[in-house]
């Protein structure tokens, strides 16, 4: 599981988006390299959401 230093994260605001329970950390695009450098450990995919596809019949 990956982690990011809590003190480092404190500089970024948490915003509510899309609904009451949807919270996102807002990191400016120009600071993503620094943010990524503070990720420690492996990033683990725990859920995957894909758009449903429908097959076309000939």
PDB file of N, CA and C in Angstrom:
ATOM      1  N   UNK A   1       0.846  -1.178   0.000  1.00  0.00           N
ATOM      2  CA  UNK A   1       0.000   0.000   0.000  1.00  0.00           C
ATOM      3  C   UNK A   1       0.891   1.241   0.000  1.00  0.00           C
ATOM      4  N   UNK A   2       0.533   2.235  -0.771  1.00  0.00           N
ATOM      5  CA  UNK A   2       1.336   3.446  -0.840  1.00  0.00           C
ATOM      6  C   UNK A   2       0.888   4.437   0.222  1.00  0.00           C
ATOM      7  N   UNK A   3       1.786   5.326   0.572  1.00  0.00           N
ATOM      8  CA  UNK A   3       1.520   6.369   1.544  1.00  0.00           C
ATOM      9  C   UNK A   3       2.165   7.650   1.062  1.00  0.00           C
ATOM     10  N   UNK A   4       1.660   8.775   1.579  1.00  0.00           N
ATOM     11  CA  UNK A   4       2.256  10.073   1.318  1.00  0.00           C
ATOM     12  C   UNK A   4       2.377  10.774   2.666  1.00  0.00           C
ATOM     13  N   UNK A   5       3.492  11.448   2.891  1.00  0.00           N
ATOM     14  CA  UNK A   5       3.742  12.147   4.143  1.00  0.00           C
ATOM     15  C   UNK A   5       2.594  13.114   4.471  1.00  0.00           C
ATOM     16  N   UNK A   6       1.999  12.957   5.652  1.00  0.00           N
ATOM     17  CA  UNK A   6       0.856  13.762   6.071  1.00  0.00           C
ATOM     18  C   UNK A   6       1.190  15.248   6.102  1.00  0.00           C
ATOM     19  N   UNK A   7       2.362  15.593   6.590  1.00  0.00           N
ATOM     20  CA  UNK A   7       2.760  17.005   6.646  1.00  0.00           C
ATOM     21  C   UNK A   7       2.839  17.594   5.238  1.00  0.00           C
ATOM     22  N   UNK A   8       3.310  16.812   4.281  1.00  0.00           N
ATOM     23  CA  UNK A   8       3.381  17.278   2.891  1.00  0.00           C
ATOM     24  C   UNK A   8       1.976  17.489   2.330  1.00  0.00           C
ATOM     25  N   UNK A   9       1.056  16.565   2.615  1.00  0.00           N
ATOM     26  CA  UNK A   9      -0.311  16.665   2.098  1.00  0.00           C
ATOM     27  C   UNK A   9      -1.065  17.860   2.646  1.00  0.00           C
ATOM     28  N   UNK A  10      -0.687  18.328   3.814  1.00  0.00           N
ATOM     29  CA  UNK A  10      -1.401  19.428   4.468  1.00  0.00           C
ATOM     30  C   UNK A  10      -1.417  20.702   3.631  1.00  0.00           C
ATOM     31  N   UNK A  11      -0.511  20.812   2.689  1.00  0.00           N
ATOM     32  CA  UNK A  11      -0.472  22.025   1.865  1.00  0.00           C
ATOM     33  C   UNK A  11      -1.581  22.076   0.815  1.00  0.00           C
ATOM     34  N   UNK A  12      -2.242  20.941   0.579  1.00  0.00           N
ATOM     35  CA  UNK A  12      -3.265  20.878  -0.468  1.00  0.00           C
ATOM     36  C   UNK A  12      -4.665  20.805   0.132  1.00  0.00           C
ATOM     37  N   UNK A  13      -5.609  21.563  -0.435  1.00  0.00           N
ATOM     38  CA  UNK A  13      -6.977  21.536   0.087  1.00  0.00           C
ATOM     39  C   UNK A  13      -7.731  20.277  -0.344  1.00  0.00           C
ATOM     40  N   UNK A  14      -8.624  19.837   0.516  1.00  0.00           N
ATOM     41  CA  UNK A  14      -9.536  18.738   0.194  1.00  0.00           C
ATOM     42  C   UNK A  14     -10.831  19.393  -0.250  1.00  0.00           C
ATOM     43  N   UNK A  15     -11.343  18.987  -1.393  1.00  0.00           N
ATOM     44  CA  UNK A  15     -12.569  19.578  -1.947  1.00  0.00           C
ATOM     45  C   UNK A  15     -13.644  18.517  -2.089  1.00  0.00           C
ATOM     46  N   UNK A  16     -14.865  18.919  -1.846  1.00  0.00           N
ATOM     47  CA  UNK A  16     -16.019  18.032  -2.053  1.00  0.00           C
ATOM     48  C   UNK A  16     -16.466  18.190  -3.497  1.00  0.00           C
ATOM     49  N   UNK A  17     -16.569  17.070  -4.203  1.00  0.00           N
ATOM     50  CA  UNK A  17     -16.964  17.112  -5.608  1.00  0.00           C
ATOM     51  C   UNK A  17     -18.016  16.057  -5.888  1.00  0.00           C
ATOM     52  N   UNK A  18     -18.985  16.373  -6.684  1.00  0.00           N
ATOM     53  CA  UNK A  18     -19.944  15.382  -7.160  1.00  0.00           C
ATOM     54  C   UNK A  18     -20.950  14.865  -6.156  1.00  0.00           C
ATOM     55  N   UNK A  19     -20.692  14.969  -4.893  1.00  0.00           N
ATOM     56  CA  UNK A  19     -21.617  14.456  -3.883  1.00  0.00           C
ATOM     57  C   UNK A  19     -21.020  14.619  -2.502  1.00  0.00           C
ATOM     58  N   UNK A  20     -21.845  14.400  -1.489  1.00  0.00           N
ATOM     59  CA  UNK A  20     -21.420  14.629  -0.109  1.00  0.00           C
ATOM     60  C   UNK A  20     -20.253  13.743   0.319  1.00  0.00           C
ATOM     61  N   UNK A  21     -20.163  12.551  -0.220  1.00  0.00           N
ATOM     62  CA  UNK A  21     -19.139  11.609   0.228  1.00  0.00           C
ATOM     63  C   UNK A  21     -17.938  11.530  -0.708  1.00  0.00           C
ATOM     64  N   UNK A  22     -17.921  12.367  -1.738  1.00  0.00           N
ATOM     65  CA  UNK A  22     -16.819  12.327  -2.703  1.00  0.00           C
ATOM     66  C   UNK A  22     -15.868  13.481  -2.391  1.00  0.00           C
ATOM     67  N   UNK A  23     -14.693  13.126  -1.874  1.00  0.00           N
ATOM     68  CA  UNK A  23     -13.689  14.119  -1.521  1.00  0.00           C
ATOM     69  C   UNK A  23     -12.435  13.882  -2.352  1.00  0.00           C
ATOM     70  N   UNK A  24     -11.819  14.968  -2.807  1.00  0.00           N
ATOM     71  CA  UNK A  24     -10.605  14.873  -3.609  1.00  0.00           C
ATOM     72  C   UNK A  24      -9.564  15.827  -3.060  1.00  0.00           C
ATOM     73  N   UNK A  25      -8.329  15.409  -3.129  1.00  0.00           N
ATOM     74  CA  UNK A  25      -7.205  16.265  -2.784  1.00  0.00           C
ATOM     75  C   UNK A  25      -6.852  17.046  -4.041  1.00  0.00           C
ATOM     76  N   UNK A  26      -6.856  18.360  -3.956  1.00  0.00           N
ATOM     77  CA  UNK A  26      -6.577  19.178  -5.129  1.00  0.00           C
ATOM     78  C   UNK A  26      -5.111  19.556  -5.174  1.00  0.00           C
ATOM     79  N   UNK A  27      -4.401  18.969  -6.128  1.00  0.00           N
ATOM     80  CA  UNK A  27      -2.973  19.216  -6.320  1.00  0.00           C
ATOM     81  C   UNK A  27      -2.809  19.908  -7.669  1.00  0.00           C
ATOM     82  N   UNK A  28      -2.236  21.108  -7.689  1.00  0.00           N
ATOM     83  CA  UNK A  28      -2.035  21.795  -8.964  1.00  0.00           C
ATOM     84  C   UNK A  28      -1.160  20.957  -9.905  1.00  0.00           C
ATOM     85  N   UNK A  29      -1.490  20.994 -11.169  1.00  0.00           N
ATOM     86  CA  UNK A  29      -0.775  20.194 -12.170  1.00  0.00           C
ATOM     87  C   UNK A  29       0.717  20.448 -12.144  1.00  0.00           C
ATOM     88  N   UNK A  30       1.122  21.693 -11.932  1.00  0.00           N
ATOM     89  CA  UNK A  30       2.550  22.006 -11.939  1.00  0.00           C
ATOM     90  C   UNK A  30       3.286  21.437 -10.719  1.00  0.00           C
ATOM     91  N   UNK A  31       2.551  20.913  -9.726  1.00  0.00           N
ATOM     92  CA  UNK A  31       3.177  20.324  -8.534  1.00  0.00           C
ATOM     93  C   UNK A  31       3.066  18.797  -8.502  1.00  0.00           C
ATOM     94  N   UNK A  32       2.555  18.197  -9.572  1.00  0.00           N
ATOM     95  CA  UNK A  32       2.373  16.741  -9.578  1.00  0.00           C
ATOM     96  C   UNK A  32       3.686  15.964  -9.494  1.00  0.00           C
ATOM     97  N   UNK A  33       4.744  16.458 -10.114  1.00  0.00           N
ATOM     98  CA  UNK A  33       6.025  15.761 -10.030  1.00  0.00           C
ATOM     99  C   UNK A  33       6.506  15.692  -8.580  1.00  0.00           C
ATOM    100  N   UNK A  34       6.385  16.805  -7.853  1.00  0.00           N
ATOM    101  CA  UNK A  34       6.790  16.824  -6.444  1.00  0.00           C
ATOM    102  C   UNK A  34       5.875  15.930  -5.609  1.00  0.00           C
ATOM    103  N   UNK A  35       4.568  15.980  -5.892  1.00  0.00           N
ATOM    104  CA  UNK A  35       3.617  15.123  -5.190  1.00  0.00           C
ATOM    105  C   UNK A  35       3.975  13.649  -5.409  1.00  0.00           C
ATOM    106  N   UNK A  36       4.200  13.266  -6.651  1.00  0.00           N
ATOM    107  CA  UNK A  36       4.539  11.880  -6.969  1.00  0.00           C
ATOM    108  C   UNK A  36       5.837  11.437  -6.292  1.00  0.00           C
ATOM    109  N   UNK A  37       6.775  12.356  -6.143  1.00  0.00           N
ATOM    110  CA  UNK A  37       8.041  12.030  -5.489  1.00  0.00           C
ATOM    111  C   UNK A  37       7.845  11.711  -4.006  1.00  0.00           C
ATOM    112  N   UNK A  38       6.740  12.160  -3.421  1.00  0.00           N
ATOM    113  CA  UNK A  38       6.460  11.914  -2.004  1.00  0.00           C
ATOM    114  C   UNK A  38       5.633  10.648  -1.773  1.00  0.00           C
ATOM    115  N   UNK A  39       5.279   9.943  -2.828  1.00  0.00           N
ATOM    116  CA  UNK A  39       4.559   8.674  -2.669  1.00  0.00           C
ATOM    117  C   UNK A  39       5.569   7.610  -2.284  1.00  0.00           C
ATOM    118  N   UNK A  40       5.272   6.899  -1.204  1.00  0.00           N
ATOM    119  CA  UNK A  40       6.172   5.864  -0.697  1.00  0.00           C
ATOM    120  C   UNK A  40       5.473   4.520  -0.821  1.00  0.00           C
ATOM    121  N   UNK A  41       6.151   3.530  -1.353  1.00  0.00           N
ATOM    122  CA  UNK A  41       5.579   2.199  -1.496  1.00  0.00           C
ATOM    123  C   UNK A  41       4.930   2.016  -2.861  1.00  0.00           C
ATOM    124  N   UNK A  42       4.325   0.847  -3.023  1.00  0.00           N
ATOM    125  CA  UNK A  42       3.679   0.503  -4.294  1.00  0.00           C
ATOM    126  C   UNK A  42       2.257   1.035  -4.322  1.00  0.00           C
ATOM    127  N   UNK A  43       1.805   1.441  -5.477  1.00  0.00           N
ATOM    128  CA  UNK A  43       0.418   1.847  -5.665  1.00  0.00           C
ATOM    129  C   UNK A  43      -0.368   0.600  -6.002  1.00  0.00           C
ATOM    130  N   UNK A  44      -1.418   0.356  -5.257  1.00  0.00           N
ATOM    131  CA  UNK A  44      -2.221  -0.849  -5.422  1.00  0.00           C
ATOM    132  C   UNK A  44      -3.596  -0.482  -5.973  1.00  0.00           C
ATOM    133  N   UNK A  45      -3.999  -1.114  -7.059  1.00  0.00           N
ATOM    134  CA  UNK A  45      -5.331  -0.914  -7.621  1.00  0.00           C
ATOM    135  C   UNK A  45      -6.306  -1.759  -6.802  1.00  0.00           C
ATOM    136  N   UNK A  46      -7.277  -1.103  -6.172  1.00  0.00           N
ATOM    137  CA  UNK A  46      -8.226  -1.839  -5.334  1.00  0.00           C
ATOM    138  C   UNK A  46      -9.615  -1.923  -5.971  1.00  0.00           C
ATOM    139  N   UNK A  47      -9.911  -1.012  -6.880  1.00  0.00           N
ATOM    140  CA  UNK A  47     -11.174  -1.044  -7.623  1.00  0.00           C
ATOM    141  C   UNK A  47     -10.912  -0.527  -9.031  1.00  0.00           C
ATOM    142  N   UNK A  48     -11.689  -1.015  -9.947  1.00  0.00           N
ATOM    143  CA  UNK A  48     -11.563  -0.570 -11.329  1.00  0.00           C
ATOM    144  C   UNK A  48     -12.964  -0.336 -11.869  1.00  0.00           C
ATOM    145  N   UNK A  49     -13.171   0.812 -12.474  1.00  0.00           N
ATOM    146  CA  UNK A  49     -14.478   1.151 -13.024  1.00  0.00           C
ATOM    147  C   UNK A  49     -14.328   1.379 -14.516  1.00  0.00           C
ATOM    148  N   UNK A  50     -15.075   0.629 -15.290  1.00  0.00           N
ATOM    149  CA  UNK A  50     -15.002   0.758 -16.744  1.00  0.00           C
ATOM    150  C   UNK A  50     -16.395   1.032 -17.306  1.00  0.00           C
ATOM    151  N   UNK A  51     -16.398   1.702 -18.410  1.00  0.00           N
ATOM    152  CA  UNK A  51     -17.641   1.979 -19.107  1.00  0.00           C
ATOM    153  C   UNK A  51     -18.144   0.668 -19.707  1.00  0.00           C
ATOM    154  N   UNK A  52     -19.424   0.421 -19.561  1.00  0.00           N
ATOM    155  CA  UNK A  52     -20.014  -0.767 -20.154  1.00  0.00           C
ATOM    156  C   UNK A  52     -19.957  -0.654 -21.668  1.00  0.00           C
ATOM    157  N   UNK A  53     -19.593  -1.730 -22.329  1.00  0.00           N
ATOM    158  CA  UNK A  53     -19.561  -1.720 -23.797  1.00  0.00           C
ATOM    159  C   UNK A  53     -20.650  -2.643 -24.312  1.00  0.00           C
ATOM    160  N   UNK A  54     -21.193  -2.284 -25.424  1.00  0.00           N
ATOM    161  CA  UNK A  54     -22.183  -3.164 -26.032  1.00  0.00           C
ATOM    162  C   UNK A  54     -21.629  -3.643 -27.375  1.00  0.00           C
ATOM    163  N   UNK A  55     -21.823  -4.883 -27.639  1.00  0.00           N
ATOM    164  CA  UNK A  55     -21.300  -5.417 -28.883  1.00  0.00           C
ATOM    165  C   UNK A  55     -22.297  -5.185 -30.008  1.00  0.00           C
ATOM    166  N   UNK A  56     -21.767  -4.773 -31.128  1.00  0.00           N
ATOM    167  CA  UNK A  56     -22.620  -4.528 -32.293  1.00  0.00           C
ATOM    168  C   UNK A  56     -22.855  -5.862 -33.004  1.00  0.00           C
ATOM    169  N   UNK A  57     -24.090  -6.108 -33.343  1.00  0.00           N
ATOM    170  CA  UNK A  57     -24.401  -7.354 -34.068  1.00  0.00           C
ATOM    171  C   UNK A  57     -24.378  -7.071 -35.544  1.00  0.00           C
ATOM    172  N   UNK A  58     -23.839  -7.986 -36.348  1.00  0.00           N
ATOM    173  CA  UNK A  58     -23.752  -7.791 -37.796  1.00  0.00           C
ATOM    174  C   UNK A  58     -25.101  -7.764 -38.461  1.00  0.00           C
TER     175      UNK A  58
END
